[in-house]
Amino acid sequence: MQTTEPTSAPISAAAPTEAERRAAHEINKLSKRLHRQVGQAITDYNMIEEGDRVMVCLSGGKDSYSLLDILLNLQQRAPINFSIVAVNLDQKQPGFPAEVLPAYLKSRGVDFHIENQDTYSVVKRVIPEGDTMCSLCSRLRRGILYRVAGELGANKIALGHHRDDFLGTVFLNLFFQGRLKGMPPKLVSDDGRHTVIRPLAYVAETDIERWAAHRQFPIIPCTLCGSQENLQRVQVRKMLREWDQKFPGRIDNMHRAFSHVVPSHLMDRKLFPFETIRPTGQADPMGDKAFDHDDDEDDDACATPAAAEAGLPAEAAISLEALRRTLSPSSPFLPAQD
């Protein structure tokens, strides 16, 4: 199986117009960004190792299609050997086009398995009309996919959750559960037998939407959780989108914050020994500042959004942040820098 990183549309007989050249350039930039971000996440959290068999859970939505597409391309350039098997759980939703995913996966030449389980009837029977179905649907899916992973010999289970899913989960837990908890990029499954990975952890949902449209994935709508517009998760997603539009860079900063945690400046006694700390007379770089002033960071926090990066306009601030992300250590999963 050979795959190449898609970048632009096929060249037509006629010379491309200026608009077509710009569009091709933008898609090329998007492709490089997506592959770099996924490669960086895999490297940062050691998601995929030599000899792994990675089960990519394919729902038929834009996220899982993009995950599979990018992993197949990274597989060809990585200096380690790992295999991929795509798995779809056919939940027997009415009108589900069962032929779409097998046809697509055959066209990509990827190993795949379709698991047929009528969880749709179970969810509709158990959950009263109008109530949220996510919890039961998720538990049923998870149990089935863990079993299938074992049957297929997969030791890694790859899910298509992206950056915005992570932040949405943080706010849902914060608003409704009173917990500061997100969606980790890597964890051990509930049954203790598999490693669950989320290679899209650094990827923005808007980039996935653009990639899915460019690649023309045969999207299959969900008639269970995906059809419930009254979900709190949907409302939180809208809130994040509005923030991103009004204050460019805010979502990136929030996402970055969860990998720069200072337990001594939170309130969890299980993470920091507040009861036993005493002054030692020695300077402590993690200690509290007299005026809560840490270099220039607080100046940035108090500045207007347009001046968040040392007084620069928002556009320049975003460019600097993008530059920092590109200056990361080399990785076998990262494309070479131009």
Protein backbone atom coordinates (compact mmCIF):
# COMPACT_ATOMS: atom_id res chain seq x y z
CA MET A 1 0.00 0.00 0.00
CA GLN A 2 1.41 3.35 -1.04
CA THR A 3 -0.06 6.70 -0.09
CA THR A 4 1.24 10.18 -0.68
CA GLU A 5 0.48 13.38 1.12
CA PRO A 6 -2.23 15.17 -0.86
CA THR A 7 -1.62 18.85 -1.26
CA SER A 8 -3.41 20.36 -4.19
CA ALA A 9 -5.95 19.63 -6.88
CA PRO A 10 -4.85 17.89 -10.13
CA ILE A 11 -3.31 20.26 -12.67
CA SER A 12 -5.70 21.01 -15.51
CA ALA A 13 -4.69 21.42 -19.14
CA ALA A 14 -5.17 25.17 -18.95
CA ALA A 15 -2.80 27.30 -16.92
CA PRO A 16 -4.17 27.83 -13.38
CA THR A 17 -5.66 31.19 -12.57
CA GLU A 18 -4.34 33.40 -9.78
CA ALA A 19 -7.28 32.32 -7.57
CA GLU A 20 -6.51 28.66 -8.24
CA ARG A 21 -2.84 29.19 -7.38
CA ARG A 22 -3.77 30.90 -4.13
CA ALA A 23 -6.21 28.11 -3.25
CA ALA A 24 -3.57 25.45 -3.98
CA HIS A 25 -1.06 27.34 -1.85
CA GLU A 26 -3.48 27.53 1.07
CA ILE A 27 -4.28 23.82 0.86
CA ASN A 28 -0.57 23.02 0.76
CA LYS A 29 -0.05 25.08 3.93
CA LEU A 30 -3.01 23.36 5.59
CA SER A 31 -1.68 19.92 4.69
CA LYS A 32 1.75 20.68 6.14
CA ARG A 33 0.25 22.15 9.31
CA LEU A 34 -2.03 19.16 9.91
CA HIS A 35 0.69 16.58 9.34
CA ARG A 36 3.13 18.55 11.50
CA GLN A 37 0.66 18.93 14.37
CA VAL A 38 -0.33 15.26 14.34
CA GLY A 39 3.31 14.22 14.14
CA GLN A 40 4.16 16.53 17.03
CA ALA A 41 1.37 15.15 19.22
CA ILE A 42 2.45 11.58 18.48
CA THR A 43 6.03 12.48 19.40
CA ASP A 44 5.24 14.54 22.50
CA TYR A 45 3.16 11.77 24.07
CA ASN A 46 4.92 8.75 22.53
CA MET A 47 1.63 7.58 21.04
CA ILE A 48 2.94 5.16 18.40
CA GLU A 49 5.95 2.86 18.73
CA GLU A 50 7.73 0.19 16.73
CA GLY A 51 5.50 -2.80 16.00
CA ASP A 52 2.25 -1.18 17.14
CA ARG A 53 -1.02 -2.19 15.58
CA VAL A 54 -3.20 0.93 15.62
CA MET A 55 -6.97 0.55 15.43
CA VAL A 56 -8.43 3.76 14.00
CA CYS A 57 -12.07 4.13 15.02
CA LEU A 58 -13.89 5.39 11.92
CA SER A 59 -17.38 6.79 12.48
CA GLY A 60 -17.92 8.31 9.06
CA GLY A 61 -17.52 11.86 10.37
CA LYS A 62 -14.97 14.49 9.33
CA ASP A 63 -12.73 13.96 12.38
CA SER A 64 -12.17 10.22 12.06
CA TYR A 65 -11.77 10.43 8.27
CA SER A 66 -9.08 13.09 8.70
CA LEU A 67 -7.35 11.06 11.41
CA LEU A 68 -7.14 7.98 9.22
CA ASP A 69 -6.06 9.99 6.19
CA ILE A 70 -3.20 11.72 8.02
CA LEU A 71 -2.02 8.58 9.83
CA LEU A 72 -1.84 6.69 6.53
CA ASN A 73 0.39 9.41 5.11
CA LEU A 74 2.60 9.57 8.21
CA GLN A 75 2.92 5.79 8.17
CA GLN A 76 4.74 5.97 4.84
CA ARG A 77 7.42 8.43 6.00
CA ALA A 78 7.96 7.23 9.59
CA PRO A 79 11.21 5.28 10.18
CA ILE A 80 9.36 2.84 12.44
CA ASN A 81 7.00 0.07 11.40
CA PHE A 82 3.42 0.07 12.61
CA SER A 83 0.22 -1.23 11.08
CA ILE A 84 -3.21 0.36 10.81
CA VAL A 85 -6.63 -1.24 10.85
CA ALA A 86 -9.74 0.90 10.43
CA VAL A 87 -12.81 -0.17 12.39
CA ASN A 88 -16.36 1.05 12.01
CA LEU A 89 -19.13 0.19 14.43
CA ASP A 90 -22.35 -0.08 12.42
CA GLN A 91 -24.94 0.75 15.09
CA LYS A 92 -27.86 -0.03 12.77
CA GLN A 93 -29.13 3.51 12.62
CA PRO A 94 -32.10 3.80 10.23
CA GLY A 95 -30.98 4.83 6.78
CA PHE A 96 -27.28 4.25 7.53
CA PRO A 97 -25.50 3.79 4.14
CA ALA A 98 -23.63 0.60 5.02
CA GLU A 99 -21.84 0.47 1.67
CA VAL A 100 -20.11 3.87 1.92
CA LEU A 101 -17.29 3.11 4.37
CA PRO A 102 -16.27 -0.28 2.91
CA ALA A 103 -16.10 1.28 -0.55
CA TYR A 104 -13.96 4.16 0.70
CA LEU A 105 -11.62 1.93 2.71
CA LYS A 106 -11.15 -0.45 -0.20
CA SER A 107 -10.25 2.53 -2.38
CA ARG A 108 -7.54 3.49 0.14
CA GLY A 109 -6.22 -0.06 0.34
CA VAL A 110 -6.36 -0.07 4.13
CA ASP A 111 -7.09 -3.10 6.29
CA PHE A 112 -10.54 -2.67 7.86
CA HIS A 113 -13.29 -4.34 9.86
CA ILE A 114 -16.99 -3.49 10.10
CA GLU A 115 -18.56 -4.48 13.42
CA ASN A 116 -22.34 -4.86 13.30
CA GLN A 117 -24.09 -4.21 16.62
CA ASP A 118 -27.61 -2.82 17.04
CA THR A 119 -26.82 -0.30 19.78
CA TYR A 120 -29.25 2.18 18.19
CA SER A 121 -32.29 0.15 19.31
CA VAL A 122 -30.85 -0.24 22.81
CA VAL A 123 -30.27 3.50 23.22
CA LYS A 124 -33.68 4.47 21.82
CA ARG A 125 -35.40 1.93 24.06
CA VAL A 126 -33.60 2.88 27.28
CA ILE A 127 -33.30 6.67 26.95
CA PRO A 128 -36.59 8.62 27.15
CA GLU A 129 -37.43 10.85 24.20
CA GLY A 130 -35.75 14.24 24.58
CA ASP A 131 -33.09 13.09 27.05
CA THR A 132 -29.41 13.05 26.09
CA MET A 133 -28.19 9.77 24.66
CA CYS A 134 -24.44 10.43 24.73
CA SER A 135 -23.54 8.65 27.97
CA LEU A 136 -25.17 5.29 27.21
CA CYS A 137 -24.21 5.40 23.54
CA SER A 138 -20.59 6.11 24.47
CA ARG A 139 -20.42 3.30 27.04
CA LEU A 140 -21.84 0.78 24.60
CA ARG A 141 -19.48 1.83 21.83
CA ARG A 142 -16.46 1.80 24.12
CA GLY A 143 -17.10 -1.72 25.37
CA ILE A 144 -17.58 -3.07 21.86
CA LEU A 145 -14.50 -1.33 20.47
CA TYR A 146 -12.30 -2.61 23.30
CA ARG A 147 -13.44 -6.15 22.54
CA VAL A 148 -12.86 -5.71 18.80
CA ALA A 149 -9.37 -4.29 19.42
CA GLY A 150 -8.46 -7.45 21.31
CA GLU A 151 -9.86 -9.67 18.57
CA LEU A 152 -7.89 -7.80 15.90
CA GLY A 153 -4.65 -7.77 17.89
CA ALA A 154 -4.57 -3.97 18.14
CA ASN A 155 -2.68 -2.58 21.13
CA LYS A 156 -3.43 1.10 20.35
CA ILE A 157 -6.91 2.57 19.81
CA ALA A 158 -6.87 5.90 17.95
CA LEU A 159 -9.81 8.26 18.39
CA GLY A 160 -10.58 11.37 16.35
CA HIS A 161 -10.97 13.91 19.17
CA HIS A 162 -9.32 17.24 18.34
CA ARG A 163 -8.20 20.37 20.20
CA ASP A 164 -11.71 21.84 20.41
CA ASP A 165 -13.10 18.57 21.81
CA PHE A 166 -10.50 18.74 24.56
CA LEU A 167 -11.37 22.32 25.49
CA GLY A 168 -15.10 21.58 25.27
CA THR A 169 -14.67 18.72 27.73
CA VAL A 170 -12.72 20.98 30.10
CA PHE A 171 -15.54 23.54 30.17
CA LEU A 172 -18.27 20.91 30.49
CA ASN A 173 -16.52 19.45 33.53
CA LEU A 174 -15.87 22.92 34.92
CA PHE A 175 -19.43 24.19 34.45
CA PHE A 176 -21.44 21.09 35.32
CA GLN A 177 -19.24 18.68 37.31
CA GLY A 178 -17.05 20.99 39.39
CA ARG A 179 -13.90 19.30 38.11
CA LEU A 180 -10.84 20.57 36.26
CA LYS A 181 -10.58 17.64 33.87
CA GLY A 182 -10.06 17.40 30.16
CA MET A 183 -9.59 14.73 27.50
CA PRO A 184 -6.02 13.36 27.71
CA PRO A 185 -4.08 12.73 24.50
CA LYS A 186 -3.07 9.29 25.79
CA LEU A 187 -4.45 7.00 28.48
CA VAL A 188 -5.01 3.36 29.38
CA SER A 189 -8.43 1.97 28.51
CA ASP A 190 -11.02 1.17 31.18
CA ASP A 191 -10.31 -2.55 30.91
CA GLY A 192 -6.56 -1.97 31.40
CA ARG A 193 -5.66 -3.83 28.20
CA HIS A 194 -5.22 -1.09 25.59
CA THR A 195 -3.70 2.33 25.10
CA VAL A 196 -6.11 4.96 23.80
CA ILE A 197 -4.51 7.77 21.78
CA ARG A 198 -5.82 11.02 20.30
CA PRO A 199 -3.36 12.11 17.58
CA LEU A 200 -5.52 15.13 16.63
CA ALA A 201 -5.00 16.68 20.08
CA TYR A 202 -3.25 19.76 18.64
CA VAL A 203 -5.53 20.22 15.62
CA ALA A 204 -8.23 22.90 15.36
CA GLU A 205 -11.68 21.78 14.28
CA THR A 206 -11.85 24.49 11.62
CA ASP A 207 -8.74 23.02 9.97
CA ILE A 208 -10.33 19.57 10.00
CA GLU A 209 -13.45 20.99 8.36
CA ARG A 210 -11.35 22.52 5.58
CA TRP A 211 -9.36 19.30 5.12
CA ALA A 212 -12.49 17.15 4.95
CA ALA A 213 -14.01 19.45 2.33
CA HIS A 214 -10.79 19.42 0.29
CA ARG A 215 -10.44 15.63 0.45
CA GLN A 216 -14.17 15.18 -0.24
CA PHE A 217 -14.65 12.49 2.38
CA PRO A 218 -18.02 10.71 2.08
CA ILE A 219 -19.42 12.07 5.37
CA ILE A 220 -22.14 10.02 7.08
CA PRO A 221 -24.36 12.03 9.47
CA CYS A 222 -25.04 10.62 12.95
CA THR A 223 -28.72 10.24 13.90
CA LEU A 224 -27.94 9.63 17.58
CA CYS A 225 -25.69 12.05 19.49
CA GLY A 226 -24.87 14.08 16.39
CA SER A 227 -28.54 14.96 15.88
CA GLN A 228 -29.08 16.53 19.33
CA GLU A 229 -28.70 20.30 19.00
CA ASN A 230 -29.77 20.91 22.62
CA LEU A 231 -26.68 19.25 24.08
CA GLN A 232 -24.52 21.31 26.43
CA ARG A 233 -21.50 20.20 24.38
CA VAL A 234 -23.02 21.87 21.32
CA GLN A 235 -23.54 25.10 23.26
CA VAL A 236 -19.98 25.04 24.59
CA ARG A 237 -18.67 24.48 21.06
CA LYS A 238 -20.57 27.56 19.89
CA MET A 239 -19.11 29.56 22.77
CA LEU A 240 -15.57 28.54 21.81
CA ARG A 241 -16.20 29.41 18.16
CA GLU A 242 -17.42 32.87 19.13
CA TRP A 243 -14.36 33.45 21.32
CA ASP A 244 -12.05 32.34 18.51
CA GLN A 245 -13.68 34.77 16.10
CA LYS A 246 -13.71 37.73 18.47
CA PHE A 247 -10.32 37.12 20.11
CA PRO A 248 -7.92 35.29 17.73
CA GLY A 249 -5.32 33.31 19.65
CA ARG A 250 -7.43 32.86 22.79
CA ILE A 251 -8.23 29.20 22.06
CA ASP A 252 -4.57 28.44 21.36
CA ASN A 253 -3.57 30.00 24.67
CA MET A 254 -6.21 28.09 26.62
CA HIS A 255 -5.13 24.83 25.00
CA ARG A 256 -1.48 25.56 25.75
CA ALA A 257 -2.30 26.27 29.39
CA PHE A 258 -3.22 22.66 30.08
CA SER A 259 0.31 21.53 29.34
CA HIS A 260 1.73 24.28 31.60
CA VAL A 261 0.04 23.48 34.91
CA VAL A 262 1.29 24.90 38.23
CA PRO A 263 -0.25 22.67 40.96
CA SER A 264 0.94 24.96 43.76
CA HIS A 265 -1.25 27.73 42.36
CA LEU A 266 -4.44 25.70 42.25
CA MET A 267 -6.41 24.25 45.18
CA ASP A 268 -6.14 20.46 44.93
CA ARG A 269 -4.64 19.11 48.17
CA LYS A 270 -4.02 15.76 46.47
CA LEU A 271 -1.64 17.39 44.01
CA PHE A 272 0.19 19.75 46.35
CA PRO A 273 0.94 19.47 50.11
CA PHE A 274 -0.62 22.78 51.19
CA GLU A 275 -1.05 21.56 54.79
CA THR A 276 2.67 20.95 55.33
CA ILE A 277 4.39 23.79 53.47
CA ARG A 278 6.43 26.19 55.64
CA PRO A 279 8.72 29.11 54.83
CA THR A 280 12.35 27.99 54.55
CA GLY A 281 14.06 31.35 54.22
CA GLN A 282 15.26 30.26 50.77
CA ALA A 283 14.07 31.81 47.50
CA ASP A 284 11.52 29.64 45.72
CA PRO A 285 10.96 30.27 41.99
CA MET A 286 7.49 28.74 42.35
CA GLY A 287 6.60 30.84 45.36
CA ASP A 288 4.05 33.64 45.32
CA LYS A 289 5.24 37.05 44.12
CA ALA A 290 4.70 40.17 46.20
CA PHE A 291 2.63 41.78 43.49
CA ASP A 292 1.75 38.66 41.46
CA HIS A 293 3.99 39.94 38.69
CA ASP A 294 5.85 37.32 36.64
CA ASP A 295 8.17 39.03 34.15
CA ASP A 296 5.90 40.48 31.47
CA GLU A 297 3.22 37.80 31.54
CA ASP A 298 0.75 39.76 33.67
CA ASP A 299 1.19 42.82 31.45
CA ASP A 300 0.04 40.64 28.55
CA ALA A 301 -2.92 39.32 30.53
CA CYS A 302 -4.09 42.83 31.36
CA ALA A 303 -3.55 44.16 27.86
CA THR A 304 -6.29 44.40 25.26
CA PRO A 305 -6.56 41.36 22.94
CA ALA A 306 -4.92 43.30 20.10
CA ALA A 307 -1.84 43.92 22.26
CA ALA A 308 -1.52 40.45 23.76
CA GLU A 309 1.87 39.81 22.20
CA ALA A 310 4.18 42.55 23.47
CA GLY A 311 1.99 45.30 22.09
CA LEU A 312 1.76 43.78 18.61
CA PRO A 313 -1.47 43.56 16.62
CA ALA A 314 -3.44 40.32 16.88
CA GLU A 315 -2.30 39.16 13.45
CA ALA A 316 1.36 39.48 14.40
CA ALA A 317 0.73 37.75 17.73
CA ILE A 318 -0.75 34.76 15.94
CA SER A 319 2.17 34.66 13.51
CA LEU A 320 4.68 34.61 16.36
CA GLU A 321 2.83 31.81 18.09
CA ALA A 322 2.78 29.82 14.83
CA LEU A 323 6.52 30.40 14.49
CA ARG A 324 7.14 29.06 18.00
CA ARG A 325 5.19 25.91 17.18
CA THR A 326 7.26 25.28 14.06
CA LEU A 327 10.53 25.54 16.01
CA SER A 328 9.96 22.26 17.84
CA PRO A 329 12.52 19.44 18.03
CA SER A 330 12.76 17.15 15.02
CA SER A 331 10.67 14.02 15.07
CA PRO A 332 10.33 10.97 12.79
CA PHE A 333 6.64 11.83 12.47
CA LEU A 334 7.21 15.46 11.48
CA PRO A 335 7.58 16.55 7.85
CA ALA A 336 10.79 18.31 6.93
CA GLN A 337 10.67 22.08 7.25
CA ASP A 338 10.85 24.06 4.03
